[in-house]
């Protein structure tokens, strides 16, 4: 049984990769939440691997310091609650990281041990900010590149959360919402679209305003594009979009940055789909495909001989 940080890092990377490849929110939440424990164990192992072992087990302690090879089934590891308390020794393991990992573990345990399916229908925006807060600390302690671990788009969101924490933003957001509620509501022209992607790459979608409860607008950017997959006859890619700002045309509320959005109770991400032409996406030549099936494709410029009856 390996007690090295590298072994747990590899496990966490595998789970995150599988989460990024997931086709639905439930599966994605499953893999990301199950990456949390190996991430925590890797961080604690950077202090010393012996801290991972159950102190009541001599076999575990000996295995942790590399003195004895033991079967994994016989080696007991330290519980997560104790590991979190040891992790606070790390500079990057701030109170906010501790709160984030606690919420992730509670949800994971509810999924594994509780009577309800905690991940079923769970939007990514409800848990991804917590995961990114943890991922930033994990990569810092384990000397990893955050872009490589979660992708450049998610890393950008993580950087925003590092610059301004959700706790820092709560007082600001409370004041902004209170001021917006005092303003007279303006009439805004209704639009038929629910989601719109601009030529600049900015994505806009409608949500309920946390101040006036009318329709406001979130805007953000793509942070992850999944693999192309067939659903029946359609080929599509799941696209995750991270929100960056919110504006309400009715009460004038404006929020900037992931921390303010999450503090206001708005979802930090949303999902949409790109529908692809299979021939373009798979680099298929229609003529070659038809020929391989014994069909003849006529060039329209050749024309056909026509006989008048």
Protein backbone atom coordinates (compact mmCIF):
# COMPACT_ATOMS: atom_id res chain seq x y z
CA UNK A 1 0.00 0.00 0.00
CA UNK A 2 1.47 3.34 -1.03
CA UNK A 3 1.32 6.26 1.35
CA UNK A 4 3.03 8.75 -0.98
CA UNK A 5 1.45 12.01 -2.05
CA UNK A 6 2.15 11.04 -5.68
CA UNK A 7 -0.13 8.00 -5.50
CA UNK A 8 -3.06 10.06 -4.22
CA UNK A 9 -2.34 12.82 -6.76
CA UNK A 10 -2.59 10.27 -9.55
CA UNK A 11 -5.90 9.00 -8.20
CA UNK A 12 -7.31 12.53 -7.91
CA UNK A 13 -6.23 13.34 -11.47
CA UNK A 14 -7.93 10.20 -12.77
CA UNK A 15 -11.21 11.06 -11.04
CA UNK A 16 -11.16 14.66 -12.30
CA UNK A 17 -10.44 13.50 -15.86
CA UNK A 18 -13.42 11.16 -15.67
CA UNK A 19 -15.55 13.97 -14.29
CA UNK A 20 -14.60 16.24 -17.18
CA UNK A 21 -15.55 13.47 -19.62
CA UNK A 22 -18.94 12.85 -17.95
CA UNK A 23 -22.04 13.24 -20.10
CA UNK A 24 -24.42 14.44 -17.38
CA UNK A 25 -24.42 16.54 -14.19
CA UNK A 26 -24.97 13.57 -11.86
CA UNK A 27 -22.00 11.58 -13.15
CA UNK A 28 -19.82 14.68 -13.18
CA UNK A 29 -20.68 15.45 -9.55
CA UNK A 30 -19.94 11.84 -8.61
CA UNK A 31 -16.39 11.84 -9.99
CA UNK A 32 -15.46 15.31 -8.74
CA UNK A 33 -16.73 14.62 -5.23
CA UNK A 34 -14.84 11.33 -5.11
CA UNK A 35 -11.66 13.18 -6.07
CA UNK A 36 -11.89 15.18 -2.83
CA UNK A 37 -10.57 12.47 -0.47
CA UNK A 38 -7.42 11.63 -2.46
CA UNK A 39 -6.78 15.37 -2.83
CA UNK A 40 -6.97 15.82 0.94
CA UNK A 41 -4.77 12.77 1.59
CA UNK A 42 -2.18 14.01 -0.91
CA UNK A 43 -2.06 17.40 0.82
CA UNK A 44 -1.61 15.87 4.27
CA UNK A 45 1.06 13.49 2.91
CA UNK A 46 3.15 16.53 1.94
CA UNK A 47 3.53 17.19 5.68
CA UNK A 48 4.44 13.53 6.30
CA UNK A 49 2.86 10.28 5.06
CA UNK A 50 2.67 8.91 8.60
CA UNK A 51 -0.17 11.35 9.29
CA UNK A 52 -2.35 9.30 6.92
CA UNK A 53 -2.10 6.19 9.09
CA UNK A 54 -4.49 5.27 11.87
CA UNK A 55 -2.35 5.85 14.98
CA UNK A 56 -4.02 2.87 16.68
CA UNK A 57 -2.57 0.49 14.09
CA UNK A 58 1.11 -0.47 14.35
CA UNK A 59 0.92 -2.04 10.86
CA UNK A 60 -0.41 1.19 9.42
CA UNK A 61 2.29 3.31 11.06
CA UNK A 62 5.07 0.99 9.90
CA UNK A 63 3.68 0.92 6.38
CA UNK A 64 3.41 4.71 6.33
CA UNK A 65 7.09 5.17 7.15
CA UNK A 66 8.09 2.49 4.64
CA UNK A 67 9.34 -0.02 7.20
CA UNK A 68 6.92 -2.78 6.37
CA UNK A 69 4.89 -3.93 3.40
CA UNK A 70 1.31 -4.68 4.37
CA UNK A 71 -1.79 -5.81 2.60
CA UNK A 72 -4.06 -2.83 1.99
CA UNK A 73 -6.96 -4.71 3.58
CA UNK A 74 -5.00 -4.88 6.86
CA UNK A 75 -3.84 -1.28 6.95
CA UNK A 76 -6.17 1.27 8.50
CA UNK A 77 -6.00 4.91 7.46
CA UNK A 78 -6.85 7.97 9.49
CA UNK A 79 -10.39 9.35 9.24
CA UNK A 80 -11.22 12.42 7.16
CA UNK A 81 -12.22 14.57 10.14
CA UNK A 82 -8.77 14.12 11.67
CA UNK A 83 -7.05 14.67 8.33
CA UNK A 84 -8.80 18.02 7.92
CA UNK A 85 -7.51 19.08 11.33
CA UNK A 86 -3.97 18.10 10.31
CA UNK A 87 -4.33 19.91 6.98
CA UNK A 88 -4.82 23.27 8.72
CA UNK A 89 -1.04 23.19 9.31
CA UNK A 90 -0.65 23.89 5.59
CA UNK A 91 -0.43 27.57 4.63
CA UNK A 92 -2.89 27.24 1.75
CA UNK A 93 -5.49 25.38 3.85
CA UNK A 94 -7.43 28.49 4.87
CA UNK A 95 -10.73 28.52 6.79
CA UNK A 96 -12.54 28.92 3.46
CA UNK A 97 -10.81 25.81 2.06
CA UNK A 98 -11.77 23.94 5.23
CA UNK A 99 -15.43 25.00 4.85
CA UNK A 100 -15.44 24.07 1.16
CA UNK A 101 -14.01 20.60 1.68
CA UNK A 102 -16.42 19.99 4.56
CA UNK A 103 -19.43 20.75 2.32
CA UNK A 104 -18.08 18.48 -0.43
CA UNK A 105 -17.48 15.58 1.96
CA UNK A 106 -20.90 15.94 3.60
CA UNK A 107 -22.54 15.76 0.18
CA UNK A 108 -20.41 12.78 -0.87
CA UNK A 109 -21.26 10.93 2.34
CA UNK A 110 -24.95 11.66 1.84
CA UNK A 111 -24.70 10.09 -1.62
CA UNK A 112 -22.82 7.02 -0.35
CA UNK A 113 -24.43 6.41 3.03
CA UNK A 114 -27.73 8.30 3.09
CA UNK A 115 -31.17 7.27 1.82
CA UNK A 116 -31.27 9.96 -0.87
CA UNK A 117 -29.39 10.34 -4.16
CA UNK A 118 -27.58 13.58 -3.27
CA UNK A 119 -26.06 14.03 -6.73
CA UNK A 120 -29.26 13.44 -8.70
CA UNK A 121 -30.29 16.64 -10.46
CA UNK A 122 -27.51 18.58 -8.70
CA UNK A 123 -26.39 21.54 -10.78
CA UNK A 124 -22.64 22.01 -11.17
CA UNK A 125 -22.99 25.60 -10.03
CA UNK A 126 -23.95 24.35 -6.55
CA UNK A 127 -20.64 22.60 -5.88
CA UNK A 128 -17.98 23.59 -8.44
CA UNK A 129 -16.93 26.80 -6.60
CA UNK A 130 -16.16 24.73 -3.48
CA UNK A 131 -14.19 22.24 -5.56
CA UNK A 132 -12.17 24.97 -7.27
CA UNK A 133 -11.34 26.57 -3.91
CA UNK A 134 -10.00 23.18 -2.77
CA UNK A 135 -8.26 22.54 -6.10
CA UNK A 136 -6.31 25.81 -5.83
CA UNK A 137 -4.94 24.82 -2.42
CA UNK A 138 -4.31 21.24 -3.58
CA UNK A 139 -2.27 22.32 -6.59
CA UNK A 140 -0.30 24.83 -4.52
CA UNK A 141 0.65 22.27 -1.87
CA UNK A 142 1.37 19.45 -4.35
CA UNK A 143 3.25 21.67 -6.82
CA UNK A 144 0.81 21.06 -9.69
CA UNK A 145 -0.39 23.27 -12.52
CA UNK A 146 -4.03 24.19 -11.92
CA UNK A 147 -4.65 24.62 -15.67
CA UNK A 148 -3.52 21.05 -16.29
CA UNK A 149 -5.58 19.70 -13.38
CA UNK A 150 -8.99 21.25 -14.15
CA UNK A 151 -8.49 22.98 -17.52
CA UNK A 152 -7.77 26.60 -18.37
CA UNK A 153 -11.40 27.75 -18.16
CA UNK A 154 -12.02 26.38 -14.67
CA UNK A 155 -8.58 27.62 -13.59
CA UNK A 156 -9.65 31.16 -14.51
CA UNK A 157 -12.72 30.83 -12.28
CA UNK A 158 -10.52 29.46 -9.50
CA UNK A 159 -8.21 32.47 -9.83
CA UNK A 160 -11.21 34.80 -9.40
CA UNK A 161 -12.21 32.98 -6.22
CA UNK A 162 -8.64 33.25 -4.93
CA UNK A 163 -8.60 37.03 -5.53
CA UNK A 164 -11.91 37.56 -3.73
CA UNK A 165 -13.40 34.87 -1.51
CA UNK A 166 -17.12 34.19 -1.24
CA UNK A 167 -16.95 35.26 2.42
CA UNK A 168 -15.41 38.59 1.39
CA UNK A 169 -18.14 39.14 -1.19
CA UNK A 170 -21.12 38.42 1.09
CA UNK A 171 -21.20 41.83 2.78
CA UNK A 172 -20.78 43.62 -0.58
CA UNK A 173 -23.59 41.62 -2.18
CA UNK A 174 -25.93 42.15 0.75
CA UNK A 175 -25.46 45.92 0.39
CA UNK A 176 -25.87 45.85 -3.41
CA UNK A 177 -29.11 43.85 -3.19
CA UNK A 178 -30.51 46.14 -0.48
CA UNK A 179 -29.79 49.21 -2.64
CA UNK A 180 -31.36 47.57 -5.71
CA UNK A 181 -34.56 46.77 -3.79
CA UNK A 182 -34.99 50.47 -2.96
CA UNK A 183 -34.92 51.58 -6.60
CA UNK A 184 -38.14 51.96 -8.63
CA UNK A 185 -38.42 49.15 -11.16
CA UNK A 186 -37.84 50.07 -14.79
CA UNK A 187 -39.70 48.60 -17.73
CA UNK A 188 -37.48 46.37 -19.85
CA UNK A 189 -38.16 45.09 -23.33
CA UNK A 190 -38.93 41.36 -23.29
CA UNK A 191 -36.78 39.17 -25.50
CA UNK A 192 -37.59 35.74 -26.85
CA UNK A 193 -34.18 34.14 -26.37
CA UNK A 194 -33.19 32.20 -23.24
CA UNK A 195 -29.51 31.79 -24.12
CA UNK A 196 -27.40 33.69 -26.63
CA UNK A 197 -23.78 33.37 -27.70
CA UNK A 198 -22.16 36.52 -29.08
CA UNK A 199 -19.56 36.59 -31.83
CA UNK A 200 -17.07 37.73 -29.18
CA UNK A 201 -17.50 34.38 -27.42
CA UNK A 202 -19.51 35.82 -24.53
CA UNK A 203 -22.51 33.69 -23.57
CA UNK A 204 -25.62 35.27 -22.06
CA UNK A 205 -28.56 33.57 -20.36
CA UNK A 206 -31.57 34.60 -18.29
CA UNK A 207 -32.04 33.96 -14.57
CA UNK A 208 -34.19 35.36 -11.78
CA UNK A 209 -32.78 38.49 -10.18
CA UNK A 210 -31.94 37.95 -6.48
CA UNK A 211 -33.15 41.48 -5.69
CA UNK A 212 -36.40 42.10 -7.63
CA UNK A 213 -37.16 38.50 -8.73
CA UNK A 214 -37.64 39.60 -12.34
CA UNK A 215 -35.54 38.31 -15.22
CA UNK A 216 -31.95 39.43 -15.22
CA UNK A 217 -29.01 38.34 -17.33
CA UNK A 218 -25.91 36.35 -16.52
CA UNK A 219 -22.99 36.46 -18.89
CA UNK A 220 -19.86 34.36 -19.01
CA UNK A 221 -17.55 32.26 -21.12
CA UNK A 222 -17.03 28.63 -22.10
CA UNK A 223 -14.77 26.79 -19.66
CA UNK A 224 -15.06 23.21 -20.88
CA UNK A 225 -16.20 21.45 -24.04
CA UNK A 226 -16.83 17.72 -23.74
CA UNK A 227 -16.16 15.04 -26.29
CA UNK A 228 -18.50 14.72 -29.26
CA UNK A 229 -21.06 11.97 -28.62
CA UNK A 230 -24.02 10.57 -30.51
CA UNK A 231 -27.47 10.76 -28.96
CA UNK A 232 -29.57 8.82 -31.42
CA UNK A 233 -28.90 10.40 -34.81
CA UNK A 234 -27.54 13.66 -33.37
CA UNK A 235 -23.89 14.38 -32.65
CA UNK A 236 -23.33 16.92 -29.88
CA UNK A 237 -20.81 18.26 -27.37
CA UNK A 238 -21.72 19.33 -23.84
CA UNK A 239 -20.45 22.84 -23.15
CA UNK A 240 -19.95 24.18 -19.62
CA UNK A 241 -20.22 27.96 -19.31
CA UNK A 242 -18.96 29.83 -16.24
CA UNK A 243 -20.76 33.00 -15.22
CA UNK A 244 -18.65 36.14 -14.80
CA UNK A 245 -21.22 38.91 -14.22
CA UNK A 246 -24.92 39.62 -13.68
CA UNK A 247 -27.07 42.59 -14.64
CA UNK A 248 -30.77 43.26 -14.09
CA UNK A 249 -32.47 45.74 -16.44
CA UNK A 250 -35.36 46.22 -13.97
CA UNK A 251 -33.75 47.12 -10.62
CA UNK A 252 -30.25 47.90 -11.88
CA UNK A 253 -28.48 45.28 -9.74
CA UNK A 254 -25.00 44.49 -11.08
CA UNK A 255 -22.68 41.80 -9.76
CA UNK A 256 -19.13 41.18 -10.91
CA UNK A 257 -17.03 38.06 -10.47
CA UNK A 258 -17.66 34.50 -9.37
CA UNK A 259 -17.51 35.29 -5.64
CA UNK A 260 -20.28 37.92 -5.83
CA UNK A 261 -22.46 35.67 -7.99
CA UNK A 262 -22.17 32.73 -5.59
CA UNK A 263 -22.70 35.00 -2.57
CA UNK A 264 -25.94 36.19 -4.18
CA UNK A 265 -27.15 32.61 -4.60
CA UNK A 266 -26.75 32.54 -8.37
CA UNK A 267 -25.44 29.44 -10.11
CA UNK A 268 -21.79 29.84 -11.09
CA UNK A 269 -22.13 27.67 -14.20
CA UNK A 270 -24.63 26.44 -16.74
CA UNK A 271 -24.61 23.81 -19.45
CA UNK A 272 -25.51 24.01 -23.11
CA UNK A 273 -24.82 21.88 -26.18
CA UNK A 274 -23.16 22.31 -29.55
CA UNK A 275 -24.80 20.23 -32.27
CA UNK A 276 -22.33 19.11 -34.89
CA UNK A 277 -22.40 17.95 -38.48
CA UNK A 278 -21.05 14.37 -38.23
CA UNK A 279 -19.27 14.62 -41.56
CA UNK A 280 -17.44 17.81 -40.53
CA UNK A 281 -16.72 16.68 -36.97
CA UNK A 282 -15.44 13.24 -37.98
CA UNK A 283 -13.69 14.44 -41.15
CA UNK A 284 -15.77 12.13 -43.32
CA UNK A 285 -16.03 12.44 -47.09
CA UNK A 286 -19.65 11.79 -48.17
CA UNK A 287 -18.51 10.55 -51.58
CA UNK A 288 -16.06 8.07 -50.07
CA UNK A 289 -18.65 6.92 -47.55
CA UNK A 290 -21.21 6.30 -50.31
CA UNK A 291 -18.64 4.55 -52.51
CA UNK A 292 -17.63 2.26 -49.64
CA UNK A 293 -21.25 1.09 -49.53
CA UNK A 294 -21.30 0.33 -53.27
CA UNK A 295 -23.25 3.45 -54.17
CA UNK A 296 -22.51 5.73 -57.09
CA UNK A 297 -22.49 9.46 -56.45
CA UNK A 298 -23.29 11.48 -59.53
CA UNK A 299 -21.58 14.80 -60.14
CA UNK A 300 -24.43 17.32 -60.70
CA UNK A 301 -22.29 19.11 -63.28
CA UNK A 302 -22.26 15.98 -65.44
CA UNK A 303 -26.01 16.02 -65.90
CA UNK A 304 -28.06 13.12 -67.24
CA UNK A 305 -29.18 12.21 -70.71
CA UNK A 306 -32.87 12.87 -70.94
CA UNK A 307 -35.14 11.20 -73.47
CA UNK A 308 -38.45 12.80 -74.28
CA UNK A 309 -41.14 10.17 -74.35
